[in-house]
Protein backbone atom coordinates (compact mmCIF):
# COMPACT_ATOMS: atom_id res chain seq x y z
CA UNK A 1 7.66 -22.59 51.16
CA UNK A 2 5.45 -20.91 48.74
CA UNK A 3 6.60 -20.02 45.31
CA UNK A 4 6.96 -16.21 44.74
CA UNK A 5 4.29 -14.81 42.66
CA UNK A 6 5.23 -13.30 39.24
CA UNK A 7 3.83 -9.88 38.38
CA UNK A 8 1.61 -9.76 35.35
CA UNK A 9 3.47 -8.48 32.37
CA UNK A 10 2.22 -5.05 31.10
CA UNK A 11 -0.04 -5.27 28.10
CA UNK A 12 1.71 -4.97 24.82
CA UNK A 13 1.36 -1.70 23.15
CA UNK A 14 -0.91 -1.81 20.08
CA UNK A 15 1.02 -1.57 16.83
CA UNK A 16 1.16 2.00 15.56
CA UNK A 17 -0.59 2.74 12.36
CA UNK A 18 1.51 3.42 9.31
CA UNK A 19 1.76 7.06 8.19
CA UNK A 20 -1.17 8.20 6.16
CA UNK A 21 -0.04 9.04 2.58
CA UNK A 22 -1.18 12.16 0.68
CA UNK A 23 -3.90 11.36 -1.86
CA UNK A 24 -1.48 9.84 -4.34
CA UNK A 25 -3.71 6.95 -5.18
CA UNK A 26 -6.91 8.95 -5.81
CA UNK A 27 -8.57 8.04 -9.16
CA UNK A 28 -7.93 10.21 -12.15
CA UNK A 29 -10.33 13.14 -12.49
CA UNK A 30 -11.73 15.21 -15.24
CA UNK A 31 -9.38 18.19 -14.46
CA UNK A 32 -5.99 18.90 -12.91
CA UNK A 33 -3.52 21.69 -12.39
CA UNK A 34 0.23 21.04 -12.17
CA UNK A 35 1.79 24.03 -10.43
CA UNK A 36 5.55 24.15 -9.91
CA UNK A 37 7.30 26.91 -8.01
CA UNK A 38 10.72 27.93 -6.97
CA UNK A 39 11.16 29.12 -3.25
CA UNK A 40 12.63 32.64 -3.19
CA UNK A 41 15.53 33.45 -0.86
CA UNK A 42 13.95 34.23 2.51
CA UNK A 43 10.61 32.61 1.39
CA UNK A 44 11.11 29.43 3.41
CA UNK A 45 8.93 30.35 6.22
CA UNK A 46 5.98 31.04 3.97
CA UNK A 47 6.53 27.81 2.16
CA UNK A 48 6.53 25.80 5.30
CA UNK A 49 3.46 27.52 6.68
CA UNK A 50 1.50 26.64 3.50
CA UNK A 51 2.71 23.02 3.53
CA UNK A 52 1.61 22.70 7.09
CA UNK A 53 -1.83 24.03 6.42
CA UNK A 54 -2.37 22.30 3.11
CA UNK A 55 -4.79 19.55 4.39
CA UNK A 56 -6.95 22.18 6.19
CA UNK A 57 -7.03 24.37 3.08
CA UNK A 58 -7.93 21.35 0.90
CA UNK A 59 -10.90 20.62 3.35
CA UNK A 60 -12.07 24.26 3.31
CA UNK A 61 -12.12 24.54 -0.53
CA UNK A 62 -13.39 21.05 -1.07
CA UNK A 63 -16.30 21.56 1.31
CA UNK A 64 -17.98 23.82 -1.17
CA UNK A 65 -18.29 21.06 -3.69
CA UNK A 66 -17.98 17.65 -1.92
CA UNK A 67 -18.96 15.59 -5.10
CA UNK A 68 -16.06 16.95 -7.13
CA UNK A 69 -13.36 15.08 -5.17
CA UNK A 70 -10.74 17.89 -4.78
CA UNK A 71 -7.36 16.47 -3.80
CA UNK A 72 -3.78 18.01 -3.76
CA UNK A 73 -0.50 16.23 -3.51
CA UNK A 74 2.50 18.51 -2.54
CA UNK A 75 6.07 17.43 -3.39
CA UNK A 76 9.44 18.94 -2.39
CA UNK A 77 12.49 18.97 -4.63
CA UNK A 78 15.92 18.09 -3.66
CA UNK A 79 17.46 21.58 -3.55
CA UNK A 80 14.76 22.76 -1.29
CA UNK A 81 14.50 20.01 1.21
CA UNK A 82 17.39 21.10 3.35
CA UNK A 83 16.28 24.69 3.25
CA UNK A 84 12.87 23.84 4.61
CA UNK A 85 13.54 20.95 7.15
CA UNK A 86 16.15 20.07 9.61
CA UNK A 87 17.21 16.48 10.19
CA UNK A 88 17.28 13.54 7.73
CA UNK A 89 16.07 13.65 4.17
CA UNK A 90 14.46 11.01 1.98
CA UNK A 91 17.14 8.52 1.03
CA UNK A 92 16.54 8.58 -2.72
CA UNK A 93 15.72 12.29 -3.22
CA UNK A 94 18.23 13.83 -5.65
CA UNK A 95 18.12 16.34 -8.56
CA UNK A 96 16.52 15.05 -11.71
CA UNK A 97 19.20 13.36 -13.86
CA UNK A 98 19.28 14.58 -17.40
CA UNK A 99 19.41 11.85 -20.10
CA UNK A 100 20.87 12.32 -23.51
CA UNK A 101 20.23 9.66 -26.14
CA UNK A 102 21.24 9.44 -29.75
CA UNK A 103 18.31 11.46 -30.94
CA UNK A 104 16.25 12.66 -28.01
CA UNK A 105 17.03 14.27 -24.57
CA UNK A 106 15.34 14.20 -21.26
CA UNK A 107 16.02 17.68 -19.85
CA UNK A 108 16.48 18.59 -16.24
CA UNK A 109 14.66 21.68 -15.15
CA UNK A 110 14.53 23.54 -11.73
CA UNK A 111 11.79 23.51 -9.30
CA UNK A 112 11.35 23.40 -5.41
CA UNK A 113 7.67 22.64 -4.86
CA UNK A 114 5.04 20.96 -6.89
CA UNK A 115 1.25 21.02 -6.28
CA UNK A 116 -0.71 18.33 -8.16
CA UNK A 117 -4.33 19.55 -7.85
CA UNK A 118 -7.15 17.27 -9.03
CA UNK A 119 -11.02 17.60 -9.16
CA UNK A 120 -13.93 16.69 -11.33
CA UNK A 121 -14.24 20.40 -12.43
CA UNK A 122 -11.50 22.82 -13.43
CA UNK A 123 -13.22 25.67 -11.40
CA UNK A 124 -12.42 23.83 -8.11
CA UNK A 125 -8.82 23.20 -9.10
CA UNK A 126 -8.49 26.85 -9.96
CA UNK A 127 -9.99 28.02 -6.77
CA UNK A 128 -7.60 25.88 -4.74
CA UNK A 129 -4.55 26.98 -6.71
CA UNK A 130 -5.62 30.61 -6.25
CA UNK A 131 -5.59 30.11 -2.47
CA UNK A 132 -2.26 28.37 -2.65
CA UNK A 133 -0.73 31.27 -4.56
CA UNK A 134 -2.20 33.84 -2.12
CA UNK A 135 -0.61 32.12 0.71
CA UNK A 136 2.73 31.88 -1.14
CA UNK A 137 2.68 35.54 -2.42
CA UNK A 138 6.20 36.96 -2.24
CA UNK A 139 7.59 33.62 -1.14
CA UNK A 140 7.84 31.79 -4.43
CA UNK A 141 8.29 32.37 -8.15
CA UNK A 142 5.97 30.33 -10.44
CA UNK A 143 7.94 28.34 -12.91
CA UNK A 144 5.28 26.21 -14.58
CA UNK A 145 1.59 26.02 -14.55
CA UNK A 146 -0.34 23.50 -16.73
CA UNK A 147 -4.05 22.87 -16.79
CA UNK A 148 -4.84 19.30 -17.65
CA UNK A 149 -8.15 17.87 -18.83
CA UNK A 150 -9.69 14.55 -19.68
CA UNK A 151 -9.82 14.12 -23.55
CA UNK A 152 -12.80 12.05 -24.69
CA UNK A 153 -12.39 8.41 -23.64
CA UNK A 154 -9.31 9.01 -21.54
CA UNK A 155 -7.02 9.39 -24.53
CA UNK A 156 -3.92 11.61 -24.74
CA UNK A 157 -3.54 14.05 -27.58
CA UNK A 158 -1.55 11.50 -29.62
CA UNK A 159 -4.64 9.30 -29.57
CA UNK A 160 -3.45 6.72 -27.01
CA UNK A 161 -5.40 5.68 -23.95
CA UNK A 162 -3.20 6.31 -21.00
CA UNK A 163 -2.92 4.88 -17.49
CA UNK A 164 -5.06 1.70 -18.02
CA UNK A 165 -2.37 -0.45 -16.52
CA UNK A 166 -2.07 1.47 -13.18
CA UNK A 167 -2.01 -1.06 -10.30
CA UNK A 168 -4.86 -0.76 -7.82
CA UNK A 169 -5.45 -1.77 -4.15
CA UNK A 170 -2.53 -3.12 -2.39
CA UNK A 171 -0.62 -3.49 -5.59
CA UNK A 172 -0.95 0.25 -6.08
CA UNK A 173 0.29 0.97 -2.49
CA UNK A 174 3.29 -1.29 -3.01
CA UNK A 175 4.11 0.46 -6.37
CA UNK A 176 3.62 4.08 -5.24
CA UNK A 177 4.04 4.40 -1.47
CA UNK A 178 7.41 4.21 0.28
CA UNK A 179 7.53 1.61 3.13
CA UNK A 180 9.48 1.52 6.46
CA UNK A 181 12.63 0.78 4.54
CA UNK A 182 13.36 4.48 4.73
CA UNK A 183 12.82 5.39 8.44
CA UNK A 184 10.89 8.64 8.98
CA UNK A 185 9.59 8.75 5.35
CA UNK A 186 7.17 5.84 5.15
CA UNK A 187 3.94 6.80 3.52
CA UNK A 188 5.65 9.24 1.06
CA UNK A 189 5.99 8.89 -2.69
CA UNK A 190 8.46 9.91 -5.42
CA UNK A 191 6.82 12.04 -8.06
CA UNK A 192 8.98 11.76 -11.46
CA UNK A 193 2.15 0.02 -26.55
CA UNK A 194 -1.25 0.14 -27.07
CA UNK A 195 -2.79 0.32 -30.45
CA UNK A 196 -3.75 3.90 -31.22
CA UNK A 197 -7.49 3.49 -31.81
CA UNK A 198 -8.81 0.47 -29.85
CA UNK A 199 -6.43 0.29 -26.80
CA UNK A 200 -5.71 -3.48 -27.28
CA UNK A 201 -2.08 -4.30 -26.35
CA UNK A 202 -0.31 -5.96 -29.17
CA UNK A 203 1.03 -9.51 -28.61
CA UNK A 204 4.70 -9.88 -27.94
CA UNK A 205 5.41 -11.34 -31.38
CA UNK A 206 3.92 -8.31 -33.04
CA UNK A 207 4.74 -5.52 -30.67
CA UNK A 208 7.67 -3.55 -32.00
CA UNK A 209 10.71 -3.56 -29.67
CA UNK A 210 10.65 0.31 -29.63
CA UNK A 211 6.86 0.60 -28.89
CA UNK A 212 6.06 2.73 -25.77
CA UNK A 213 4.73 -0.21 -23.92
CA UNK A 214 7.65 -2.48 -24.65
CA UNK A 215 10.21 0.11 -23.68
CA UNK A 216 8.38 0.96 -20.41
CA UNK A 217 7.99 -2.62 -19.18
CA UNK A 218 10.51 -3.20 -16.45
CA UNK A 219 10.92 -6.87 -15.41
CA UNK A 220 13.33 -8.11 -12.70
CA UNK A 221 15.40 -11.32 -13.33
CA UNK A 222 12.88 -13.28 -11.19
CA UNK A 223 10.11 -12.28 -13.62
CA UNK A 224 8.54 -9.62 -11.32
CA UNK A 225 7.26 -6.65 -13.36
CA UNK A 226 7.87 -3.34 -11.59
CA UNK A 227 4.89 -0.84 -11.62
CA UNK A 228 4.40 2.84 -11.20
CA UNK A 229 1.17 4.82 -10.82
CA UNK A 230 0.67 7.23 -13.59
CA UNK A 231 -1.43 10.48 -13.25
CA UNK A 232 -0.82 11.77 -16.84
CA UNK A 233 -3.19 14.35 -18.26
CA UNK A 234 -3.51 16.09 -21.70
CA UNK A 235 -2.98 19.73 -21.80
CA UNK A 236 -2.84 22.28 -24.61
CA UNK A 237 -3.03 25.93 -25.80
CA UNK A 238 -4.85 26.28 -29.15
CA UNK A 239 -3.50 29.73 -29.76
CA UNK A 240 0.16 28.85 -29.02
CA UNK A 241 -0.13 25.69 -30.95
CA UNK A 242 1.36 23.71 -28.07
CA UNK A 243 -0.31 20.46 -26.62
CA UNK A 244 0.67 17.16 -25.32
CA UNK A 245 0.68 15.01 -22.24
CA UNK A 246 1.84 16.16 -18.78
CA UNK A 247 3.64 13.08 -17.55
CA UNK A 248 3.30 12.60 -13.72
CA UNK A 249 4.45 9.28 -12.19
CA UNK A 250 4.28 8.19 -8.56
CA UNK A 251 6.61 5.53 -7.29
CA UNK A 252 7.84 4.05 -4.03
CA UNK A 253 11.35 4.38 -5.41
CA UNK A 254 12.49 6.72 -8.16
CA UNK A 255 14.72 4.02 -9.50
CA UNK A 256 11.86 2.39 -11.34
CA UNK A 257 10.74 5.42 -13.11
CA UNK A 258 14.40 6.36 -13.97
CA UNK A 259 14.96 2.99 -15.54
CA UNK A 260 11.92 3.64 -17.65
CA UNK A 261 13.24 6.97 -18.69
CA UNK A 262 16.65 5.52 -19.58
CA UNK A 263 14.91 2.92 -21.77
CA UNK A 264 12.73 5.63 -23.38
CA UNK A 265 15.58 8.09 -24.18
CA UNK A 266 18.75 6.04 -24.48
CA UNK A 267 17.30 2.63 -25.30
CA UNK A 268 18.01 -0.94 -24.29
CA UNK A 269 20.09 -1.73 -26.23
CA UNK A 270 21.27 1.86 -26.80
CA UNK A 271 19.51 3.49 -29.82
CA UNK A 272 16.33 1.50 -29.38
CA UNK A 273 14.51 4.47 -27.95
CA UNK A 274 10.81 4.97 -27.38
CA UNK A 275 9.14 5.64 -30.85
CA UNK A 276 6.78 8.07 -29.22
CA UNK A 277 9.66 10.63 -28.87
CA UNK A 278 9.59 10.95 -32.65
CA UNK A 279 6.23 12.65 -32.29
CA UNK A 280 6.65 14.68 -29.10
CA UNK A 281 9.40 16.53 -27.29
CA UNK A 282 10.24 16.39 -23.69
CA UNK A 283 10.44 20.02 -22.46
CA UNK A 284 10.56 19.63 -18.71
CA UNK A 285 11.91 17.19 -15.96
CA UNK A 286 12.14 17.19 -12.27
CA UNK A 287 11.93 14.77 -9.26
CA UNK A 288 9.98 15.50 -6.10
CA UNK A 289 9.28 13.67 -2.81
CA UNK A 290 5.74 13.95 -1.72
CA UNK A 291 5.90 13.19 2.11
CA UNK A 292 3.04 11.57 4.04
CA UNK A 293 0.05 13.59 5.22
CA UNK A 294 1.29 12.90 8.80
CA UNK A 295 4.68 14.50 7.89
CA UNK A 296 2.93 17.67 6.71
CA UNK A 297 0.70 17.76 9.75
CA UNK A 298 3.77 17.83 12.09
CA UNK A 299 6.63 19.36 10.13
CA UNK A 300 10.21 18.94 11.28
CA UNK A 301 12.01 21.92 12.76
CA UNK A 302 13.38 24.51 10.49
CA UNK A 303 17.02 24.21 9.73
CA UNK A 304 17.86 27.38 11.68
CA UNK A 305 16.02 26.14 14.83
CA UNK A 306 17.64 22.70 15.20
CA UNK A 307 20.09 21.93 18.12
CA UNK A 308 23.45 23.62 17.50
CA UNK A 309 25.16 20.40 18.52
CA UNK A 310 23.33 18.58 15.72
CA UNK A 311 25.22 18.84 12.32
CA UNK A 312 23.05 19.92 9.51
CA UNK A 313 23.09 19.13 5.86
CA UNK A 314 24.60 21.86 3.70
CA UNK A 315 21.98 24.39 2.52
CA UNK A 316 21.40 24.74 -1.16
CA UNK A 317 20.51 27.93 -3.04
CA UNK A 318 17.03 28.59 -4.41
CA UNK A 319 16.23 27.09 -7.73
CA UNK A 320 15.87 29.67 -10.48
CA UNK A 321 13.11 29.30 -13.06
CA UNK A 322 14.30 28.08 -16.55
CA UNK A 323 15.20 30.75 -19.02
CA UNK A 324 12.10 29.99 -21.08
CA UNK A 325 9.79 29.98 -17.97
CA UNK A 326 8.97 26.28 -18.39
CA UNK A 327 9.34 23.64 -15.64
CA UNK A 328 7.42 20.48 -14.56
CA UNK A 329 7.60 16.96 -13.83
CA UNK A 330 7.69 15.89 -17.47
CA UNK A 331 5.62 17.75 -19.97
CA UNK A 332 5.53 16.35 -23.57
CA UNK A 333 4.68 18.77 -26.20
CA UNK A 334 3.63 17.39 -29.57
CA UNK A 335 6.10 18.12 -32.26
CA UNK A 336 4.97 20.09 -35.37
CA UNK A 337 7.46 17.98 -37.40
CA UNK A 338 5.45 14.82 -38.34
């Protein structure tokens, strides 16, 4: 008897490539615009159309000045997510949590969409933002618009050099980009001391316990330091006398940034708050999820188009602009009381 022949096993399918992130990890540029809007009631279709076309719009505008590295990251707030998309939502997306310390307060301000626009020249940022707003005309209300700029040798307007400890390469990916732990949302990102003159970090035995770098260093029990990717930019209006740092932090999980904010405003132990808050005031605060570029290229169905048999998340009302018209990820305006 002859042994039966075994059929060849089908070739294994090649592993699928991970979702492509938005340009979260692009290097800092000389100019940036932070544009935050609230989606008006009935404006959801217009907002979805713009999000789906964002990459093509970026290519069209950026083609005119290829050396100026135009990039835009779009983020969606918690209250807007279920109004725009059917199905699951990012596991850790929630409204920004206000923090009240003994002297300082991290305020929560509304906002549905954020557009973080970067380029080497402000004119290119402005051109792109103009096209975004033309597409969103009638669908959104602008809540906050801040134009950031590079200030001399990458200092903020308090005199500190900012962002020099940002992780790079694979460390940057691990810090800022969500992995497969949240199915369907891999490739996304959550968008939430130095000495003053020479940018040399003080040794631990000299560094004050309430210095900015000491308060913002998050270390796990095993000694692992948790990182985020900062994209902060100075901003200011000479005539209005308002200027400061627009704080924008990308993280694979918002819990890291939230722990930093708790240490900044409440203190660890309570009362040992970040000394930088005695010279600046937090005027805005919000949390967004920046989905992957693949997500934006192939958006989920609208909530009103999903299968009637599939239960939907409760819809939330549109976010209204703050009473003073100010909203953002975390603007810090320098206090006049010094």
